[in-house]
Amino acid sequence: MTVRALSISALADRLSGPVFKLDRPVVDMTGIHGVYDFTLNWAPDGAPADGHSGASIFTALQEQLGLKLEARKIVFKIIVVDHVDKDPSIN
C-alpha cells in the first residue's frame, strides 16, 4: 500500500475498515499531527505474497512505520440507528 498525504488518524480509520480485517476499531492515540507519504508492505492474514511469506499488518506497522497496535479498552461514542420510519408527510 502506497499512500500520499495521509494523517495517522486517517490511517487508523483505514485500519478499522474491511481490508485489514482487524475486527475492531482502531483509534489514533499517537498525538502525531500532519500528513505523510509512505509505503506499507504486508501479507493479508499472513498469507504468502509473491511467493514469499509476508509480515502481518501488526509487524509491518511496527517495523516499517514505528507504530504499534495494542489492544486497549477505551470509551468512545458510537451512534447506532436501529429503526427508520418513512415520514408520512412526504409524498
PDB file of N, CA and C in Angstrom:
ATOM      1  N   MET A   1       0.858  -1.161   0.000  1.00  0.00           N
ATOM      2  CA  MET A   1       0.000   0.000   0.000  1.00  0.00           C
ATOM      3  C   MET A   1       0.906   1.227   0.000  1.00  0.00           C
ATOM      4  N   THR A   2       0.741   2.071  -1.009  1.00  0.00           N
ATOM      5  CA  THR A   2       1.465   3.331  -1.082  1.00  0.00           C
ATOM      6  C   THR A   2       0.475   4.454  -0.851  1.00  0.00           C
ATOM      7  N   VAL A   3       0.815   5.347   0.072  1.00  0.00           N
ATOM      8  CA  VAL A   3      -0.096   6.420   0.440  1.00  0.00           C
ATOM      9  C   VAL A   3       0.580   7.767   0.289  1.00  0.00           C
ATOM     10  N   ARG A   4      -0.203   8.753  -0.086  1.00  0.00           N
ATOM     11  CA  ARG A   4       0.279  10.134  -0.200  1.00  0.00           C
ATOM     12  C   ARG A   4      -0.598  11.030   0.674  1.00  0.00           C
ATOM     13  N   ALA A   5       0.033  11.868   1.458  1.00  0.00           N
ATOM     14  CA  ALA A   5      -0.655  12.880   2.272  1.00  0.00           C
ATOM     15  C   ALA A   5      -1.761  12.270   3.136  1.00  0.00           C
ATOM     16  N   LEU A   6      -1.392  11.296   3.949  1.00  0.00           N
ATOM     17  CA  LEU A   6      -2.351  10.642   4.843  1.00  0.00           C
ATOM     18  C   LEU A   6      -1.950  10.927   6.285  1.00  0.00           C
ATOM     19  N   SER A   7      -2.916  11.296   7.096  1.00  0.00           N
ATOM     20  CA  SER A   7      -2.643  11.524   8.520  1.00  0.00           C
ATOM     21  C   SER A   7      -2.662  10.192   9.257  1.00  0.00           C
ATOM     22  N   ILE A   8      -2.082  10.167  10.436  1.00  0.00           N
ATOM     23  CA  ILE A   8      -2.081   8.960  11.256  1.00  0.00           C
ATOM     24  C   ILE A   8      -3.516   8.632  11.679  1.00  0.00           C
ATOM     25  N   SER A   9      -4.310   9.654  11.918  1.00  0.00           N
ATOM     26  CA  SER A   9      -5.714   9.454  12.262  1.00  0.00           C
ATOM     27  C   SER A   9      -6.465   8.784  11.111  1.00  0.00           C
ATOM     28  N   ALA A  10      -6.199   9.228   9.881  1.00  0.00           N
ATOM     29  CA  ALA A  10      -6.839   8.621   8.711  1.00  0.00           C
ATOM     30  C   ALA A  10      -6.339   7.190   8.517  1.00  0.00           C
ATOM     31  N   LEU A  11      -5.074   6.923   8.823  1.00  0.00           N
ATOM     32  CA  LEU A  11      -4.552   5.568   8.756  1.00  0.00           C
ATOM     33  C   LEU A  11      -5.297   4.675   9.746  1.00  0.00           C
ATOM     34  N   ALA A  12      -5.524   5.179  10.955  1.00  0.00           N
ATOM     35  CA  ALA A  12      -6.277   4.418  11.959  1.00  0.00           C
ATOM     36  C   ALA A  12      -7.675   4.097  11.442  1.00  0.00           C
ATOM     37  N   ASP A  13      -8.325   5.061  10.790  1.00  0.00           N
ATOM     38  CA  ASP A  13      -9.648   4.817  10.208  1.00  0.00           C
ATOM     39  C   ASP A  13      -9.588   3.713   9.163  1.00  0.00           C
ATOM     40  N   ARG A  14      -8.572   3.743   8.317  1.00  0.00           N
ATOM     41  CA  ARG A  14      -8.419   2.701   7.283  1.00  0.00           C
ATOM     42  C   ARG A  14      -8.158   1.338   7.908  1.00  0.00           C
ATOM     43  N   LEU A  15      -7.369   1.312   8.963  1.00  0.00           N
ATOM     44  CA  LEU A  15      -7.089   0.045   9.635  1.00  0.00           C
ATOM     45  C   LEU A  15      -8.353  -0.555  10.243  1.00  0.00           C
ATOM     46  N   SER A  16      -9.331   0.281  10.557  1.00  0.00           N
ATOM     47  CA  SER A  16     -10.602  -0.192  11.103  1.00  0.00           C
ATOM     48  C   SER A  16     -11.501  -0.791  10.031  1.00  0.00           C
ATOM     49  N   GLY A  17     -11.183  -0.550   8.766  1.00  0.00           N
ATOM     50  CA  GLY A  17     -12.034  -0.982   7.658  1.00  0.00           C
ATOM     51  C   GLY A  17     -11.892  -2.458   7.310  1.00  0.00           C
ATOM     52  N   PRO A  18     -12.652  -2.884   6.309  1.00  0.00           N
ATOM     53  CA  PRO A  18     -12.714  -4.302   5.947  1.00  0.00           C
ATOM     54  C   PRO A  18     -11.447  -4.868   5.304  1.00  0.00           C
ATOM     55  N   VAL A  19     -10.596  -4.040   4.732  1.00  0.00           N
ATOM     56  CA  VAL A  19      -9.394  -4.530   4.054  1.00  0.00           C
ATOM     57  C   VAL A  19      -8.451  -5.230   5.038  1.00  0.00           C
ATOM     58  N   PHE A  20      -8.299  -4.680   6.217  1.00  0.00           N
ATOM     59  CA  PHE A  20      -7.328  -5.193   7.181  1.00  0.00           C
ATOM     60  C   PHE A  20      -7.889  -6.280   8.083  1.00  0.00           C
ATOM     61  N   LYS A  21      -9.205  -6.409   8.148  1.00  0.00           N
ATOM     62  CA  LYS A  21      -9.884  -7.481   8.901  1.00  0.00           C
ATOM     63  C   LYS A  21      -9.407  -7.585  10.349  1.00  0.00           C
ATOM     64  N   LEU A  22      -9.295  -6.455  11.024  1.00  0.00           N
ATOM     65  CA  LEU A  22      -8.874  -6.471  12.422  1.00  0.00           C
ATOM     66  C   LEU A  22     -10.033  -6.754  13.371  1.00  0.00           C
ATOM     67  N   ASP A  23     -11.261  -6.664  12.880  1.00  0.00           N
ATOM     68  CA  ASP A  23     -12.468  -6.964  13.657  1.00  0.00           C
ATOM     69  C   ASP A  23     -12.654  -6.106  14.900  1.00  0.00           C
ATOM     70  N   ARG A  24     -12.072  -4.914  14.883  1.00  0.00           N
ATOM     71  CA  ARG A  24     -12.278  -3.960  15.973  1.00  0.00           C
ATOM     72  C   ARG A  24     -11.848  -2.586  15.498  1.00  0.00           C
ATOM     73  N   PRO A  25     -12.368  -1.555  16.126  1.00  0.00           N
ATOM     74  CA  PRO A  25     -11.966  -0.206  15.723  1.00  0.00           C
ATOM     75  C   PRO A  25     -10.521   0.088  16.120  1.00  0.00           C
ATOM     76  N   VAL A  26      -9.862   0.905  15.310  1.00  0.00           N
ATOM     77  CA  VAL A  26      -8.507   1.363  15.611  1.00  0.00           C
ATOM     78  C   VAL A  26      -8.595   2.855  15.881  1.00  0.00           C
ATOM     79  N   VAL A  27      -8.069   3.279  17.013  1.00  0.00           N
ATOM     80  CA  VAL A  27      -8.140   4.674  17.434  1.00  0.00           C
ATOM     81  C   VAL A  27      -6.724   5.236  17.482  1.00  0.00           C
ATOM     82  N   ASP A  28      -6.525   6.389  16.854  1.00  0.00           N
ATOM     83  CA  ASP A  28      -5.218   7.053  16.870  1.00  0.00           C
ATOM     84  C   ASP A  28      -4.994   7.691  18.231  1.00  0.00           C
ATOM     85  N   MET A  29      -4.024   7.191  18.957  1.00  0.00           N
ATOM     86  CA  MET A  29      -3.674   7.764  20.255  1.00  0.00           C
ATOM     87  C   MET A  29      -2.225   8.240  20.246  1.00  0.00           C
ATOM     88  N   THR A  30      -1.671   8.483  19.042  1.00  0.00           N
ATOM     89  CA  THR A  30      -0.268   8.881  18.923  1.00  0.00           C
ATOM     90  C   THR A  30      -0.026  10.345  19.244  1.00  0.00           C
ATOM     91  N   GLY A  31      -0.996  11.194  18.950  1.00  0.00           N
ATOM     92  CA  GLY A  31      -0.791  12.628  19.107  1.00  0.00           C
ATOM     93  C   GLY A  31       0.042  13.222  17.981  1.00  0.00           C
ATOM     94  N   ILE A  32       0.315  12.425  16.949  1.00  0.00           N
ATOM     95  CA  ILE A  32       1.110  12.879  15.812  1.00  0.00           C
ATOM     96  C   ILE A  32       0.211  13.607  14.825  1.00  0.00           C
ATOM     97  N   HIS A  33       0.589  14.836  14.470  1.00  0.00           N
ATOM     98  CA  HIS A  33      -0.199  15.639  13.527  1.00  0.00           C
ATOM     99  C   HIS A  33       0.533  15.740  12.201  1.00  0.00           C
ATOM    100  N   GLY A  34      -0.187  16.161  11.188  1.00  0.00           N
ATOM    101  CA  GLY A  34       0.405  16.312   9.865  1.00  0.00           C
ATOM    102  C   GLY A  34       0.014  15.163   8.955  1.00  0.00           C
ATOM    103  N   VAL A  35       0.455  15.253   7.711  1.00  0.00           N
ATOM    104  CA  VAL A  35       0.179  14.201   6.737  1.00  0.00           C
ATOM    105  C   VAL A  35       1.501  13.640   6.221  1.00  0.00           C
ATOM    106  N   TYR A  36       1.483  12.381   5.837  1.00  0.00           N
ATOM    107  CA  TYR A  36       2.703  11.678   5.484  1.00  0.00           C
ATOM    108  C   TYR A  36       2.524  10.854   4.225  1.00  0.00           C
ATOM    109  N   ASP A  37       3.631  10.661   3.508  1.00  0.00           N
ATOM    110  CA  ASP A  37       3.702   9.751   2.373  1.00  0.00           C
ATOM    111  C   ASP A  37       4.482   8.529   2.860  1.00  0.00           C
ATOM    112  N   PHE A  38       3.955   7.331   2.586  1.00  0.00           N
ATOM    113  CA  PHE A  38       4.684   6.131   2.983  1.00  0.00           C
ATOM    114  C   PHE A  38       4.194   4.929   2.188  1.00  0.00           C
ATOM    115  N   THR A  39       4.997   3.891   2.233  1.00  0.00           N
ATOM    116  CA  THR A  39       4.634   2.607   1.639  1.00  0.00           C
ATOM    117  C   THR A  39       4.644   1.585   2.755  1.00  0.00           C
ATOM    118  N   LEU A  40       3.611   0.767   2.799  1.00  0.00           N
ATOM    119  CA  LEU A  40       3.490  -0.270   3.814  1.00  0.00           C
ATOM    120  C   LEU A  40       3.312  -1.605   3.104  1.00  0.00           C
ATOM    121  N   ASN A  41       4.209  -2.541   3.393  1.00  0.00           N
ATOM    122  CA  ASN A  41       4.160  -3.870   2.779  1.00  0.00           C
ATOM    123  C   ASN A  41       3.816  -4.910   3.831  1.00  0.00           C
ATOM    124  N   TRP A  42       2.771  -5.672   3.574  1.00  0.00           N
ATOM    125  CA  TRP A  42       2.366  -6.745   4.474  1.00  0.00           C
ATOM    126  C   TRP A  42       1.625  -7.797   3.662  1.00  0.00           C
ATOM    127  N   ALA A  43       1.462  -8.952   4.245  1.00  0.00           N
ATOM    128  CA  ALA A  43       0.691 -10.027   3.616  1.00  0.00           C
ATOM    129  C   ALA A  43      -0.616 -10.156   4.382  1.00  0.00           C
ATOM    130  N   PRO A  44      -1.747  -9.956   3.712  1.00  0.00           N
ATOM    131  CA  PRO A  44      -3.036 -10.079   4.397  1.00  0.00           C
ATOM    132  C   PRO A  44      -3.170 -11.428   5.093  1.00  0.00           C
ATOM    133  N   ASP A  45      -3.544 -11.397   6.359  1.00  0.00           N
ATOM    134  CA  ASP A  45      -3.729 -12.596   7.181  1.00  0.00           C
ATOM    135  C   ASP A  45      -2.498 -13.489   7.181  1.00  0.00           C
ATOM    136  N   GLY A  46      -1.297 -12.925   6.970  1.00  0.00           N
ATOM    137  CA  GLY A  46      -0.069 -13.698   6.968  1.00  0.00           C
ATOM    138  C   GLY A  46       0.113 -14.578   5.740  1.00  0.00           C
ATOM    139  N   ALA A  47      -0.749 -14.384   4.725  1.00  0.00           N
ATOM    140  CA  ALA A  47      -0.670 -15.195   3.508  1.00  0.00           C
ATOM    141  C   ALA A  47       0.586 -14.838   2.720  1.00  0.00           C
ATOM    142  N   PRO A  48       1.151 -15.800   2.003  1.00  0.00           N
ATOM    143  CA  PRO A  48       2.329 -15.504   1.182  1.00  0.00           C
ATOM    144  C   PRO A  48       2.008 -14.468   0.105  1.00  0.00           C
ATOM    145  N   ALA A  49       2.894 -13.525  -0.065  1.00  0.00           N
ATOM    146  CA  ALA A  49       2.752 -12.509  -1.108  1.00  0.00           C
ATOM    147  C   ALA A  49       3.883 -12.699  -2.101  1.00  0.00           C
ATOM    148  N   ASP A  50       3.562 -12.869  -3.360  1.00  0.00           N
ATOM    149  CA  ASP A  50       4.564 -13.069  -4.416  1.00  0.00           C
ATOM    150  C   ASP A  50       5.493 -14.246  -4.113  1.00  0.00           C
ATOM    151  N   GLY A  51       4.927 -15.295  -3.536  1.00  0.00           N
ATOM    152  CA  GLY A  51       5.726 -16.481  -3.261  1.00  0.00           C
ATOM    153  C   GLY A  51       6.585 -16.390  -2.014  1.00  0.00           C
ATOM    154  N   HIS A  52       6.569 -15.265  -1.313  1.00  0.00           N
ATOM    155  CA  HIS A  52       7.349 -15.105  -0.091  1.00  0.00           C
ATOM    156  C   HIS A  52       6.400 -14.904   1.080  1.00  0.00           C
ATOM    157  N   SER A  53       6.780 -15.393   2.213  1.00  0.00           N
ATOM    158  CA  SER A  53       5.966 -15.182   3.397  1.00  0.00           C
ATOM    159  C   SER A  53       6.073 -13.719   3.811  1.00  0.00           C
ATOM    160  N   GLY A  54       4.941 -13.054   3.952  1.00  0.00           N
ATOM    161  CA  GLY A  54       4.954 -11.634   4.284  1.00  0.00           C
ATOM    162  C   GLY A  54       4.656 -11.391   5.747  1.00  0.00           C
ATOM    163  N   ALA A  55       4.958 -10.188   6.175  1.00  0.00           N
ATOM    164  CA  ALA A  55       4.715  -9.791   7.559  1.00  0.00           C
ATOM    165  C   ALA A  55       3.234  -9.557   7.779  1.00  0.00           C
ATOM    166  N   SER A  56       2.787  -9.752   9.007  1.00  0.00           N
ATOM    167  CA  SER A  56       1.418  -9.407   9.367  1.00  0.00           C
ATOM    168  C   SER A  56       1.306  -7.883   9.400  1.00  0.00           C
ATOM    169  N   ILE A  57       0.094  -7.383   9.416  1.00  0.00           N
ATOM    170  CA  ILE A  57      -0.105  -5.928   9.476  1.00  0.00           C
ATOM    171  C   ILE A  57       0.473  -5.371  10.776  1.00  0.00           C
ATOM    172  N   PHE A  58       0.423  -6.134  11.857  1.00  0.00           N
ATOM    173  CA  PHE A  58       0.964  -5.702  13.148  1.00  0.00           C
ATOM    174  C   PHE A  58       2.484  -5.515  13.061  1.00  0.00           C
ATOM    175  N   THR A  59       3.157  -6.502  12.486  1.00  0.00           N
ATOM    176  CA  THR A  59       4.612  -6.446  12.333  1.00  0.00           C
ATOM    177  C   THR A  59       5.010  -5.351  11.359  1.00  0.00           C
ATOM    178  N   ALA A  60       4.296  -5.254  10.240  1.00  0.00           N
ATOM    179  CA  ALA A  60       4.617  -4.246   9.228  1.00  0.00           C
ATOM    180  C   ALA A  60       4.497  -2.835   9.791  1.00  0.00           C
ATOM    181  N   LEU A  61       3.446  -2.555  10.522  1.00  0.00           N
ATOM    182  CA  LEU A  61       3.272  -1.222  11.111  1.00  0.00           C
ATOM    183  C   LEU A  61       4.414  -0.884  12.057  1.00  0.00           C
ATOM    184  N   GLN A  62       4.813  -1.853  12.865  1.00  0.00           N
ATOM    185  CA  GLN A  62       5.862  -1.576  13.840  1.00  0.00           C
ATOM    186  C   GLN A  62       7.237  -1.460  13.184  1.00  0.00           C
ATOM    187  N   GLU A  63       7.565  -2.380  12.300  1.00  0.00           N
ATOM    188  CA  GLU A  63       8.902  -2.371  11.703  1.00  0.00           C
ATOM    189  C   GLU A  63       9.079  -1.298  10.636  1.00  0.00           C
ATOM    190  N   GLN A  64       8.028  -1.017   9.865  1.00  0.00           N
ATOM    191  CA  GLN A  64       8.164  -0.094   8.744  1.00  0.00           C
ATOM    192  C   GLN A  64       7.790   1.344   9.086  1.00  0.00           C
ATOM    193  N   LEU A  65       6.845   1.526  10.025  1.00  0.00           N
ATOM    194  CA  LEU A  65       6.397   2.883  10.354  1.00  0.00           C
ATOM    195  C   LEU A  65       6.669   3.269  11.810  1.00  0.00           C
ATOM    196  N   GLY A  66       7.093   2.328  12.614  1.00  0.00           N
ATOM    197  CA  GLY A  66       7.349   2.631  14.019  1.00  0.00           C
ATOM    198  C   GLY A  66       6.079   2.817  14.829  1.00  0.00           C
ATOM    199  N   LEU A  67       4.969   2.262  14.343  1.00  0.00           N
ATOM    200  CA  LEU A  67       3.691   2.362  15.042  1.00  0.00           C
ATOM    201  C   LEU A  67       3.327   0.999  15.610  1.00  0.00           C
ATOM    202  N   LYS A  68       2.735   0.984  16.796  1.00  0.00           N
ATOM    203  CA  LYS A  68       2.385  -0.277  17.422  1.00  0.00           C
ATOM    204  C   LYS A  68       0.886  -0.327  17.686  1.00  0.00           C
ATOM    205  N   LEU A  69       0.271  -1.416  17.246  1.00  0.00           N
ATOM    206  CA  LEU A  69      -1.138  -1.642  17.560  1.00  0.00           C
ATOM    207  C   LEU A  69      -1.197  -2.433  18.857  1.00  0.00           C
ATOM    208  N   GLU A  70      -1.950  -1.936  19.815  1.00  0.00           N
ATOM    209  CA  GLU A  70      -2.129  -2.687  21.047  1.00  0.00           C
ATOM    210  C   GLU A  70      -3.588  -2.624  21.467  1.00  0.00           C
ATOM    211  N   ALA A  71      -4.069  -3.723  21.998  1.00  0.00           N
ATOM    212  CA  ALA A  71      -5.462  -3.809  22.431  1.00  0.00           C
ATOM    213  C   ALA A  71      -5.629  -3.052  23.741  1.00  0.00           C
ATOM    214  N   ARG A  72      -6.623  -2.209  23.771  1.00  0.00           N
ATOM    215  CA  ARG A  72      -6.972  -1.455  24.978  1.00  0.00           C
ATOM    216  C   ARG A  72      -8.477  -1.313  25.033  1.00  0.00           C
ATOM    217  N   LYS A  73      -8.966  -1.084  26.218  1.00  0.00           N
ATOM    218  CA  LYS A  73     -10.374  -0.752  26.384  1.00  0.00           C
ATOM    219  C   LYS A  73     -10.452   0.745  26.617  1.00  0.00           C
ATOM    220  N   ILE A  74     -11.169   1.430  25.736  1.00  0.00           N
ATOM    221  CA  ILE A  74     -11.354   2.868  25.874  1.00  0.00           C
ATOM    222  C   ILE A  74     -12.817   3.192  25.669  1.00  0.00           C
ATOM    223  N   VAL A  75     -13.203   4.382  26.064  1.00  0.00           N
ATOM    224  CA  VAL A  75     -14.573   4.832  25.899  1.00  0.00           C
ATOM    225  C   VAL A  75     -14.625   5.763  24.694  1.00  0.00           C
ATOM    226  N   PHE A  76     -15.523   5.485  23.772  1.00  0.00           N
ATOM    227  CA  PHE A  76     -15.763   6.406  22.672  1.00  0.00           C
ATOM    228  C   PHE A  76     -17.201   6.262  22.232  1.00  0.00           C
ATOM    229  N   LYS A  77     -17.713   7.295  21.567  1.00  0.00           N
ATOM    230  CA  LYS A  77     -19.124   7.346  21.193  1.00  0.00           C
ATOM    231  C   LYS A  77     -19.368   6.624  19.874  1.00  0.00           C
ATOM    232  N   ILE A  78     -20.458   5.852  19.856  1.00  0.00           N
ATOM    233  CA  ILE A  78     -20.921   5.192  18.638  1.00  0.00           C
ATOM    234  C   ILE A  78     -22.396   5.510  18.497  1.00  0.00           C
ATOM    235  N   ILE A  79     -22.791   5.917  17.317  1.00  0.00           N
ATOM    236  CA  ILE A  79     -24.207   6.166  17.040  1.00  0.00           C
ATOM    237  C   ILE A  79     -24.736   4.983  16.259  1.00  0.00           C
ATOM    238  N   VAL A  80     -25.803   4.382  16.773  1.00  0.00           N
ATOM    239  CA  VAL A  80     -26.415   3.236  16.126  1.00  0.00           C
ATOM    240  C   VAL A  80     -27.848   3.603  15.770  1.00  0.00           C
ATOM    241  N   VAL A  81     -28.192   3.454  14.499  1.00  0.00           N
ATOM    242  CA  VAL A  81     -29.564   3.674  14.048  1.00  0.00           C
ATOM    243  C   VAL A  81     -30.181   2.294  13.909  1.00  0.00           C
ATOM    244  N   ASP A  82     -31.191   2.014  14.743  1.00  0.00           N
ATOM    245  CA  ASP A  82     -31.774   0.678  14.695  1.00  0.00           C
ATOM    246  C   ASP A  82     -33.171   0.647  14.090  1.00  0.00           C
ATOM    247  N   HIS A  83     -33.709   1.834  13.759  1.00  0.00           N
ATOM    248  CA  HIS A  83     -35.048   1.855  13.170  1.00  0.00           C
ATOM    249  C   HIS A  83     -35.258   3.173  12.424  1.00  0.00           C
ATOM    250  N   VAL A  84     -35.871   3.095  11.260  1.00  0.00           N
ATOM    251  CA  VAL A  84     -36.194   4.288  10.483  1.00  0.00           C
ATOM    252  C   VAL A  84     -37.602   4.135   9.957  1.00  0.00           C
ATOM    253  N   ASP A  85     -38.411   5.187  10.114  1.00  0.00           N
ATOM    254  CA  ASP A  85     -39.764   5.206   9.550  1.00  0.00           C
ATOM    255  C   ASP A  85     -39.821   6.242   8.456  1.00  0.00           C
ATOM    256  N   LYS A  86     -40.585   5.943   7.426  1.00  0.00           N
ATOM    257  CA  LYS A  86     -40.823   6.919   6.386  1.00  0.00           C
ATOM    258  C   LYS A  86     -41.686   8.043   6.935  1.00  0.00           C
ATOM    259  N   ASP A  87     -41.354   9.270   6.569  1.00  0.00           N
ATOM    260  CA  ASP A  87     -42.142  10.418   7.001  1.00  0.00           C
ATOM    261  C   ASP A  87     -43.455  10.416   6.206  1.00  0.00           C
ATOM    262  N   PRO A  88     -44.608  10.258   6.880  1.00  0.00           N
ATOM    263  CA  PRO A  88     -45.884  10.193   6.155  1.00  0.00           C
ATOM    264  C   PRO A  88     -46.260  11.502   5.450  1.00  0.00           C
ATOM    265  N   SER A  89     -45.639  12.620   5.822  1.00  0.00           N
ATOM    266  CA  SER A  89     -45.965  13.893   5.190  1.00  0.00           C
ATOM    267  C   SER A  89     -45.271  14.067   3.844  1.00  0.00           C
ATOM    268  N   ILE A  90     -44.292  13.228   3.524  1.00  0.00           N
ATOM    269  CA  ILE A  90     -43.582  13.335   2.241  1.00  0.00           C
ATOM    270  C   ILE A  90     -44.214  12.370   1.238  1.00  0.00           C
ATOM    271  N   ASN A  91     -44.632  12.907   0.105  1.00  0.00           N
ATOM    272  CA  ASN A  91     -45.247  12.058  -0.929  1.00  0.00           C
ATOM    273  C   ASN A  91     -44.391  11.959  -2.134  1.00  0.00           C
TER     274      ASN A  91
END
